[in-house]
Amino acid sequence: MAALHDDVLDALGRRIVSGDLAAGTVLTLDDIDTEYDVSRSVSREAVRVLGSMGMVASRRRVGLTVQPRTAWQVFDPRLIRWRLDSDDRSAQLQSLGELRSGFEPVAAALAASRATPEQCGALTTAVGDMVVHGRAGDLEAFLAADIVFHRLLLQASGNEMLAALDGVVAEVLSGRTHHHLMPAHPKDEAIDLHVEVARAVRAGDAAAARAAMEAIISEATGAVAEDSTTLGGDGEHA
């Protein structure tokens, strides 16, 4: 049941994001049941989630109306994934890069004054894993370590609002890897910047932690710009 629900949800979500189901389009549960050959409970749950994301609105005697982009919950990780899977990828990566530049350097600076010894150790371990997997060219393992690093950093900020953005960052990192916007071997410069962040956090140097994180995001943003003009560009992963 859960797998069916996810399949229908992903199919509808991607169609809305792509514009195949444009704003103002009206659907019914009967339509969904028939098109995807699923039970009413599956259709209803998929629609419930889409509604919580602001992508459809239900009105009695009208049905389900696809909502304009201005109504979407753009921080939802699933919606970010759908947008990265669409023709909107470059614009989504750019907007996410701009968002990250506003909160990750702040999180790094806060972590320098708030991280526990255990969190500092975990950051160092994550960086070490990035080094090992980057040299081996194991992009999936590198991605997993990279996601752990950024999640730990946001948590170490001691700010629950910043920590709650870990899913947003994870989707950015995953999207770049899964859409082949990564080099076969992540460059040492990108990994070294993560090492600098971990070192600065451990040393309690807020200014250095902020600067290193700003450099990480600046490099990633520049790589996205290159990727938008060069098919299969070898952008950095941050």
C-alpha atoms as a PDB file:
ATOM      1  CA  MET A   1       0.000   0.000   0.000  1.00  0.00           C
ATOM      2  CA  ALA A   2       2.764   2.442   0.931  1.00  0.00           C
ATOM      3  CA  ALA A   3       4.633   1.733  -2.295  1.00  0.00           C
ATOM      4  CA  LEU A   4       1.493   2.325  -4.368  1.00  0.00           C
ATOM      5  CA  HIS A   5       0.808   5.554  -2.531  1.00  0.00           C
ATOM      6  CA  ASP A   6       4.359   6.784  -3.161  1.00  0.00           C
ATOM      7  CA  ASP A   7       4.145   5.858  -6.847  1.00  0.00           C
ATOM      8  CA  VAL A   8       0.897   7.752  -7.357  1.00  0.00           C
ATOM      9  CA  LEU A   9       2.105  10.707  -5.301  1.00  0.00           C
ATOM     10  CA  ASP A  10       5.342  10.938  -7.286  1.00  0.00           C
ATOM     11  CA  ALA A  11       3.530  10.615 -10.606  1.00  0.00           C
ATOM     12  CA  LEU A  12       1.014  13.348  -9.800  1.00  0.00           C
ATOM     13  CA  GLY A  13       3.618  15.601  -8.218  1.00  0.00           C
ATOM     14  CA  ARG A  14       5.923  15.389 -11.199  1.00  0.00           C
ATOM     15  CA  ARG A  15       3.060  16.082 -13.596  1.00  0.00           C
ATOM     16  CA  ILE A  16       2.111  19.191 -11.649  1.00  0.00           C
ATOM     17  CA  VAL A  17       5.710  20.421 -11.466  1.00  0.00           C
ATOM     18  CA  SER A  18       6.247  19.832 -15.198  1.00  0.00           C
ATOM     19  CA  GLY A  19       3.075  21.740 -16.095  1.00  0.00           C
ATOM     20  CA  ASP A  20       1.389  18.671 -17.570  1.00  0.00           C
ATOM     21  CA  LEU A  21      -1.242  19.292 -14.919  1.00  0.00           C
ATOM     22  CA  ALA A  22      -1.335  23.083 -15.059  1.00  0.00           C
ATOM     23  CA  ALA A  23      -2.665  25.410 -12.382  1.00  0.00           C
ATOM     24  CA  GLY A  24      -6.435  25.407 -12.517  1.00  0.00           C
ATOM     25  CA  THR A  25      -6.716  21.827 -13.759  1.00  0.00           C
ATOM     26  CA  VAL A  26      -9.498  19.974 -11.947  1.00  0.00           C
ATOM     27  CA  LEU A  27      -9.149  16.312 -10.985  1.00  0.00           C
ATOM     28  CA  THR A  28     -11.359  13.907  -9.100  1.00  0.00           C
ATOM     29  CA  LEU A  29     -10.526  10.878  -6.998  1.00  0.00           C
ATOM     30  CA  ASP A  30     -12.365   8.816  -9.610  1.00  0.00           C
ATOM     31  CA  ASP A  31      -9.983  10.132 -12.257  1.00  0.00           C
ATOM     32  CA  ILE A  32      -6.972   9.135 -10.177  1.00  0.00           C
ATOM     33  CA  ASP A  33      -8.394   5.719  -9.279  1.00  0.00           C
ATOM     34  CA  THR A  34      -8.954   4.944 -12.938  1.00  0.00           C
ATOM     35  CA  GLU A  35      -5.773   6.385 -14.427  1.00  0.00           C
ATOM     36  CA  TYR A  36      -3.427   4.725 -11.943  1.00  0.00           C
ATOM     37  CA  ASP A  37      -5.541   1.634 -11.274  1.00  0.00           C
ATOM     38  CA  VAL A  38      -5.433   2.047  -7.507  1.00  0.00           C
ATOM     39  CA  SER A  39      -7.906   1.924  -4.663  1.00  0.00           C
ATOM     40  CA  ARG A  40      -9.681   4.959  -3.288  1.00  0.00           C
ATOM     41  CA  SER A  41      -7.607   4.845  -0.104  1.00  0.00           C
ATOM     42  CA  VAL A  42      -4.393   5.110  -2.143  1.00  0.00           C
ATOM     43  CA  SER A  43      -5.730   8.021  -4.204  1.00  0.00           C
ATOM     44  CA  ARG A  44      -7.040   9.799  -1.139  1.00  0.00           C
ATOM     45  CA  GLU A  45      -3.705   9.547   0.704  1.00  0.00           C
ATOM     46  CA  ALA A  46      -1.747  10.829  -2.314  1.00  0.00           C
ATOM     47  CA  VAL A  47      -4.126  13.762  -2.621  1.00  0.00           C
ATOM     48  CA  ARG A  48      -3.888  14.460   1.111  1.00  0.00           C
ATOM     49  CA  VAL A  49      -0.107  14.814   0.851  1.00  0.00           C
ATOM     50  CA  LEU A  50      -0.332  16.994  -2.253  1.00  0.00           C
ATOM     51  CA  GLY A  51      -2.813  19.169  -0.396  1.00  0.00           C
ATOM     52  CA  SER A  52      -0.443  19.524   2.562  1.00  0.00           C
ATOM     53  CA  MET A  53       2.204  20.681   0.080  1.00  0.00           C
ATOM     54  CA  GLY A  54      -0.109  23.346  -1.316  1.00  0.00           C
ATOM     55  CA  MET A  55      -0.163  21.728  -4.749  1.00  0.00           C
ATOM     56  CA  VAL A  56      -3.877  20.906  -4.894  1.00  0.00           C
ATOM     57  CA  ALA A  57      -6.944  22.226  -3.106  1.00  0.00           C
ATOM     58  CA  SER A  58     -10.125  20.251  -2.579  1.00  0.00           C
ATOM     59  CA  ARG A  59     -13.546  21.833  -2.861  1.00  0.00           C
ATOM     60  CA  ARG A  60     -16.858  20.084  -2.491  1.00  0.00           C
ATOM     61  CA  ARG A  61     -18.754  19.651  -5.762  1.00  0.00           C
ATOM     62  CA  VAL A  62     -15.700  20.918  -7.662  1.00  0.00           C
ATOM     63  CA  GLY A  63     -12.989  18.348  -7.067  1.00  0.00           C
ATOM     64  CA  LEU A  64      -9.250  18.802  -6.758  1.00  0.00           C
ATOM     65  CA  THR A  65      -7.848  21.948  -8.301  1.00  0.00           C
ATOM     66  CA  VAL A  66      -4.153  22.213  -9.107  1.00  0.00           C
ATOM     67  CA  GLN A  67      -2.727  25.280  -7.377  1.00  0.00           C
ATOM     68  CA  PRO A  68      -0.301  27.886  -8.766  1.00  0.00           C
ATOM     69  CA  ARG A  69       3.362  27.740  -7.802  1.00  0.00           C
ATOM     70  CA  THR A  70       2.922  30.617  -5.384  1.00  0.00           C
ATOM     71  CA  ALA A  71       0.886  28.283  -3.155  1.00  0.00           C
ATOM     72  CA  TRP A  72       3.414  25.444  -3.057  1.00  0.00           C
ATOM     73  CA  GLN A  73       5.372  24.549   0.076  1.00  0.00           C
ATOM     74  CA  VAL A  74       8.711  25.039  -1.646  1.00  0.00           C
ATOM     75  CA  PHE A  75      10.774  23.824   1.324  1.00  0.00           C
ATOM     76  CA  ASP A  76       9.248  20.347   1.141  1.00  0.00           C
ATOM     77  CA  PRO A  77      12.094  17.939   0.257  1.00  0.00           C
ATOM     78  CA  ARG A  78       9.871  15.862  -2.007  1.00  0.00           C
ATOM     79  CA  LEU A  79       8.833  18.922  -3.999  1.00  0.00           C
ATOM     80  CA  ILE A  80      12.484  19.958  -4.290  1.00  0.00           C
ATOM     81  CA  ARG A  81      13.268  16.485  -5.669  1.00  0.00           C
ATOM     82  CA  TRP A  82      10.482  16.729  -8.251  1.00  0.00           C
ATOM     83  CA  ARG A  83      11.692  20.137  -9.370  1.00  0.00           C
ATOM     84  CA  LEU A  84      15.254  18.881  -9.682  1.00  0.00           C
ATOM     85  CA  ASP A  85      13.924  16.033 -11.834  1.00  0.00           C
ATOM     86  CA  SER A  86      12.200  18.493 -14.157  1.00  0.00           C
ATOM     87  CA  ASP A  87      13.194  21.099 -16.731  1.00  0.00           C
ATOM     88  CA  ASP A  88      13.160  23.550 -13.808  1.00  0.00           C
ATOM     89  CA  ARG A  89      16.383  22.018 -12.453  1.00  0.00           C
ATOM     90  CA  SER A  90      18.788  24.890 -13.115  1.00  0.00           C
ATOM     91  CA  ALA A  91      16.457  27.505 -11.635  1.00  0.00           C
ATOM     92  CA  GLN A  92      15.791  25.307  -8.612  1.00  0.00           C
ATOM     93  CA  LEU A  93      19.504  24.727  -8.000  1.00  0.00           C
ATOM     94  CA  GLN A  94      20.173  28.446  -8.273  1.00  0.00           C
ATOM     95  CA  SER A  95      17.436  29.382  -5.811  1.00  0.00           C
ATOM     96  CA  LEU A  96      18.572  26.684  -3.402  1.00  0.00           C
ATOM     97  CA  GLY A  97      22.156  27.904  -3.656  1.00  0.00           C
ATOM     98  CA  GLU A  98      21.042  31.421  -2.801  1.00  0.00           C
ATOM     99  CA  LEU A  99      19.040  30.068   0.131  1.00  0.00           C
ATOM    100  CA  ARG A 100      21.986  28.037   1.432  1.00  0.00           C
ATOM    101  CA  SER A 101      24.238  31.103   1.274  1.00  0.00           C
ATOM    102  CA  GLY A 102      21.873  32.764   3.718  1.00  0.00           C
ATOM    103  CA  PHE A 103      21.751  30.073   6.397  1.00  0.00           C
ATOM    104  CA  GLU A 104      24.643  27.596   6.230  1.00  0.00           C
ATOM    105  CA  PRO A 105      27.416  30.137   6.945  1.00  0.00           C
ATOM    106  CA  VAL A 106      25.351  31.327   9.918  1.00  0.00           C
ATOM    107  CA  ALA A 107      24.949  27.729  11.088  1.00  0.00           C
ATOM    108  CA  ALA A 108      28.704  27.165  10.782  1.00  0.00           C
ATOM    109  CA  ALA A 109      29.469  30.260  12.870  1.00  0.00           C
ATOM    110  CA  LEU A 110      26.970  29.232  15.540  1.00  0.00           C
ATOM    111  CA  ALA A 111      28.352  25.683  15.584  1.00  0.00           C
ATOM    112  CA  ALA A 112      31.794  27.083  16.374  1.00  0.00           C
ATOM    113  CA  SER A 113      30.465  28.353  19.689  1.00  0.00           C
ATOM    114  CA  ARG A 114      27.838  25.695  20.419  1.00  0.00           C
ATOM    115  CA  ALA A 115      29.017  22.329  19.076  1.00  0.00           C
ATOM    116  CA  THR A 116      29.593  19.621  21.656  1.00  0.00           C
ATOM    117  CA  PRO A 117      32.817  17.576  21.671  1.00  0.00           C
ATOM    118  CA  GLU A 118      30.784  14.657  20.317  1.00  0.00           C
ATOM    119  CA  GLN A 119      29.472  16.743  17.423  1.00  0.00           C
ATOM    120  CA  CYS A 120      32.965  18.005  16.626  1.00  0.00           C
ATOM    121  CA  GLY A 121      34.186  14.425  16.516  1.00  0.00           C
ATOM    122  CA  ALA A 122      31.309  13.368  14.275  1.00  0.00           C
ATOM    123  CA  LEU A 123      32.042  16.233  11.867  1.00  0.00           C
ATOM    124  CA  THR A 124      35.663  15.153  11.664  1.00  0.00           C
ATOM    125  CA  THR A 125      34.607  11.568  10.997  1.00  0.00           C
ATOM    126  CA  ALA A 126      32.239  12.666   8.226  1.00  0.00           C
ATOM    127  CA  VAL A 127      35.010  14.676   6.575  1.00  0.00           C
ATOM    128  CA  GLY A 128      37.335  11.697   6.805  1.00  0.00           C
ATOM    129  CA  ASP A 129      34.723   9.568   5.069  1.00  0.00           C
ATOM    130  CA  MET A 130      34.408  12.192   2.338  1.00  0.00           C
ATOM    131  CA  VAL A 131      38.157  12.063   1.761  1.00  0.00           C
ATOM    132  CA  VAL A 132      38.209   8.264   1.505  1.00  0.00           C
ATOM    133  CA  HIS A 133      35.169   7.943  -0.758  1.00  0.00           C
ATOM    134  CA  GLY A 134      36.153  10.927  -2.887  1.00  0.00           C
ATOM    135  CA  ARG A 135      39.555   9.434  -3.675  1.00  0.00           C
ATOM    136  CA  ALA A 136      37.921   6.085  -4.449  1.00  0.00           C
ATOM    137  CA  GLY A 137      35.409   7.736  -6.775  1.00  0.00           C
ATOM    138  CA  ASP A 138      32.488   6.186  -4.875  1.00  0.00           C
ATOM    139  CA  LEU A 139      30.014   9.029  -5.425  1.00  0.00           C
ATOM    140  CA  GLU A 140      27.119   7.418  -3.559  1.00  0.00           C
ATOM    141  CA  ALA A 141      29.222   6.838  -0.448  1.00  0.00           C
ATOM    142  CA  PHE A 142      30.696  10.322  -0.813  1.00  0.00           C
ATOM    143  CA  LEU A 143      27.180  11.751  -1.055  1.00  0.00           C
ATOM    144  CA  ALA A 144      26.091   9.916   2.095  1.00  0.00           C
ATOM    145  CA  ALA A 145      29.068  11.315   4.022  1.00  0.00           C
ATOM    146  CA  ASP A 146      28.476  14.806   2.620  1.00  0.00           C
ATOM    147  CA  ILE A 147      24.836  14.727   3.716  1.00  0.00           C
ATOM    148  CA  VAL A 148      25.876  13.582   7.192  1.00  0.00           C
ATOM    149  CA  PHE A 149      28.398  16.427   7.408  1.00  0.00           C
ATOM    150  CA  HIS A 150      25.876  19.135   6.553  1.00  0.00           C
ATOM    151  CA  ARG A 151      23.188  17.614   8.770  1.00  0.00           C
ATOM    152  CA  LEU A 152      25.593  17.504  11.711  1.00  0.00           C
ATOM    153  CA  LEU A 153      26.655  21.087  11.116  1.00  0.00           C
ATOM    154  CA  LEU A 154      23.069  22.343  11.115  1.00  0.00           C
ATOM    155  CA  GLN A 155      22.343  20.384  14.291  1.00  0.00           C
ATOM    156  CA  ALA A 156      25.512  21.682  15.930  1.00  0.00           C
ATOM    157  CA  SER A 157      24.284  25.244  15.383  1.00  0.00           C
ATOM    158  CA  GLY A 158      21.978  24.668  18.329  1.00  0.00           C
ATOM    159  CA  ASN A 159      19.150  26.339  16.431  1.00  0.00           C
ATOM    160  CA  GLU A 160      16.173  24.071  15.773  1.00  0.00           C
ATOM    161  CA  MET A 161      14.992  26.173  12.826  1.00  0.00           C
ATOM    162  CA  LEU A 162      18.317  25.772  11.070  1.00  0.00           C
ATOM    163  CA  ALA A 163      18.468  22.079  11.936  1.00  0.00           C
ATOM    164  CA  ALA A 164      15.055  21.597  10.321  1.00  0.00           C
ATOM    165  CA  LEU A 165      16.527  22.630   6.961  1.00  0.00           C
ATOM    166  CA  ASP A 166      18.680  19.506   6.727  1.00  0.00           C
ATOM    167  CA  GLY A 167      16.236  17.879   4.304  1.00  0.00           C
ATOM    168  CA  VAL A 168      16.525  20.841   1.943  1.00  0.00           C
ATOM    169  CA  VAL A 169      20.316  20.583   1.869  1.00  0.00           C
ATOM    170  CA  ALA A 170      20.188  16.794   1.457  1.00  0.00           C
ATOM    171  CA  GLU A 171      18.004  17.134  -1.639  1.00  0.00           C
ATOM    172  CA  VAL A 172      20.388  19.680  -3.165  1.00  0.00           C
ATOM    173  CA  LEU A 173      23.354  17.380  -2.646  1.00  0.00           C
ATOM    174  CA  SER A 174      21.462  14.302  -3.845  1.00  0.00           C
ATOM    175  CA  GLY A 175      20.112  16.098  -6.899  1.00  0.00           C
ATOM    176  CA  ARG A 176      23.553  17.152  -8.107  1.00  0.00           C
ATOM    177  CA  THR A 177      24.901  13.617  -7.761  1.00  0.00           C
ATOM    178  CA  HIS A 178      21.931  11.814  -9.269  1.00  0.00           C
ATOM    179  CA  HIS A 179      21.737  14.192 -12.224  1.00  0.00           C
ATOM    180  CA  HIS A 180      25.393  13.618 -13.068  1.00  0.00           C
ATOM    181  CA  LEU A 181      26.554  17.104 -12.118  1.00  0.00           C
ATOM    182  CA  MET A 182      29.491  15.701 -10.158  1.00  0.00           C
ATOM    183  CA  PRO A 183      32.967  14.841 -11.411  1.00  0.00           C
ATOM    184  CA  ALA A 184      33.990  11.169 -11.169  1.00  0.00           C
ATOM    185  CA  HIS A 185      36.385  12.155  -8.392  1.00  0.00           C
ATOM    186  CA  PRO A 186      35.378  15.150  -6.247  1.00  0.00           C
ATOM    187  CA  LYS A 187      38.183  17.702  -6.349  1.00  0.00           C
ATOM    188  CA  ASP A 188      40.463  18.046  -3.359  1.00  0.00           C
ATOM    189  CA  GLU A 189      39.694  21.779  -3.089  1.00  0.00           C
ATOM    190  CA  ALA A 190      36.032  21.082  -2.357  1.00  0.00           C
ATOM    191  CA  ILE A 191      36.837  18.509   0.306  1.00  0.00           C
ATOM    192  CA  ASP A 192      39.523  20.731   1.847  1.00  0.00           C
ATOM    193  CA  LEU A 193      36.913  23.423   2.458  1.00  0.00           C
ATOM    194  CA  HIS A 194      34.825  20.940   4.454  1.00  0.00           C
ATOM    195  CA  VAL A 195      37.951  20.074   6.436  1.00  0.00           C
ATOM    196  CA  GLU A 196      38.417  23.782   7.167  1.00  0.00           C
ATOM    197  CA  VAL A 197      34.846  24.074   8.445  1.00  0.00           C
ATOM    198  CA  ALA A 198      35.255  21.090  10.768  1.00  0.00           C
ATOM    199  CA  ARG A 199      38.599  22.403  12.019  1.00  0.00           C
ATOM    200  CA  ALA A 200      37.217  25.892  12.660  1.00  0.00           C
ATOM    201  CA  VAL A 201      34.191  24.535  14.502  1.00  0.00           C
ATOM    202  CA  ARG A 202      36.440  22.387  16.670  1.00  0.00           C
ATOM    203  CA  ALA A 203      38.677  25.392  17.374  1.00  0.00           C
ATOM    204  CA  GLY A 204      35.730  27.640  18.201  1.00  0.00           C
ATOM    205  CA  ASP A 205      36.643  30.037  15.385  1.00  0.00           C
ATOM    206  CA  ALA A 206      33.281  31.377  14.212  1.00  0.00           C
ATOM    207  CA  ALA A 207      34.722  33.735  11.582  1.00  0.00           C
ATOM    208  CA  ALA A 208      36.799  30.996   9.956  1.00  0.00           C
ATOM    209  CA  ALA A 209      33.879  28.538  10.024  1.00  0.00           C
ATOM    210  CA  ARG A 210      31.611  31.086   8.360  1.00  0.00           C
ATOM    211  CA  ALA A 211      34.197  31.978   5.721  1.00  0.00           C
ATOM    212  CA  ALA A 212      34.885  28.357   4.807  1.00  0.00           C
ATOM    213  CA  MET A 213      31.195  27.589   4.485  1.00  0.00           C
ATOM    214  CA  GLU A 214      30.695  30.682   2.328  1.00  0.00           C
ATOM    215  CA  ALA A 215      33.485  29.405   0.088  1.00  0.00           C
ATOM    216  CA  ILE A 216      31.841  25.972  -0.166  1.00  0.00           C
ATOM    217  CA  ILE A 217      28.545  27.446  -1.290  1.00  0.00           C
ATOM    218  CA  SER A 218      30.165  29.974  -3.606  1.00  0.00           C
ATOM    219  CA  GLU A 219      32.056  27.187  -5.335  1.00  0.00           C
ATOM    220  CA  ALA A 220      28.930  25.047  -5.649  1.00  0.00           C
ATOM    221  CA  THR A 221      26.922  27.970  -7.032  1.00  0.00           C
ATOM    222  CA  GLY A 222      29.604  28.664  -9.618  1.00  0.00           C
ATOM    223  CA  ALA A 223      29.616  25.007 -10.629  1.00  0.00           C
ATOM    224  CA  VAL A 224      25.839  25.061 -11.100  1.00  0.00           C
ATOM    225  CA  ALA A 225      26.182  28.065 -13.400  1.00  0.00           C
ATOM    226  CA  GLU A 226      28.761  26.190 -15.464  1.00  0.00           C
ATOM    227  CA  ASP A 227      26.596  23.069 -15.544  1.00  0.00           C
ATOM    228  CA  SER A 228      23.663  25.074 -16.897  1.00  0.00           C
ATOM    229  CA  THR A 229      25.687  25.962 -19.984  1.00  0.00           C
ATOM    230  CA  THR A 230      27.762  22.801 -20.382  1.00  0.00           C
ATOM    231  CA  LEU A 231      26.026  19.435 -20.665  1.00  0.00           C
ATOM    232  CA  GLY A 232      27.492  17.084 -18.120  1.00  0.00           C
ATOM    233  CA  GLY A 233      29.693  19.799 -16.594  1.00  0.00           C
ATOM    234  CA  ASP A 234      32.115  18.752 -13.884  1.00  0.00           C
ATOM    235  CA  GLY A 235      30.769  20.929 -11.098  1.00  0.00           C
ATOM    236  CA  GLU A 236      31.926  20.684  -7.552  1.00  0.00           C
ATOM    237  CA  HIS A 237      29.805  19.110  -4.845  1.00  0.00           C
ATOM    238  CA  ALA A 238      29.404  21.046  -1.629  1.00  0.00           C
END
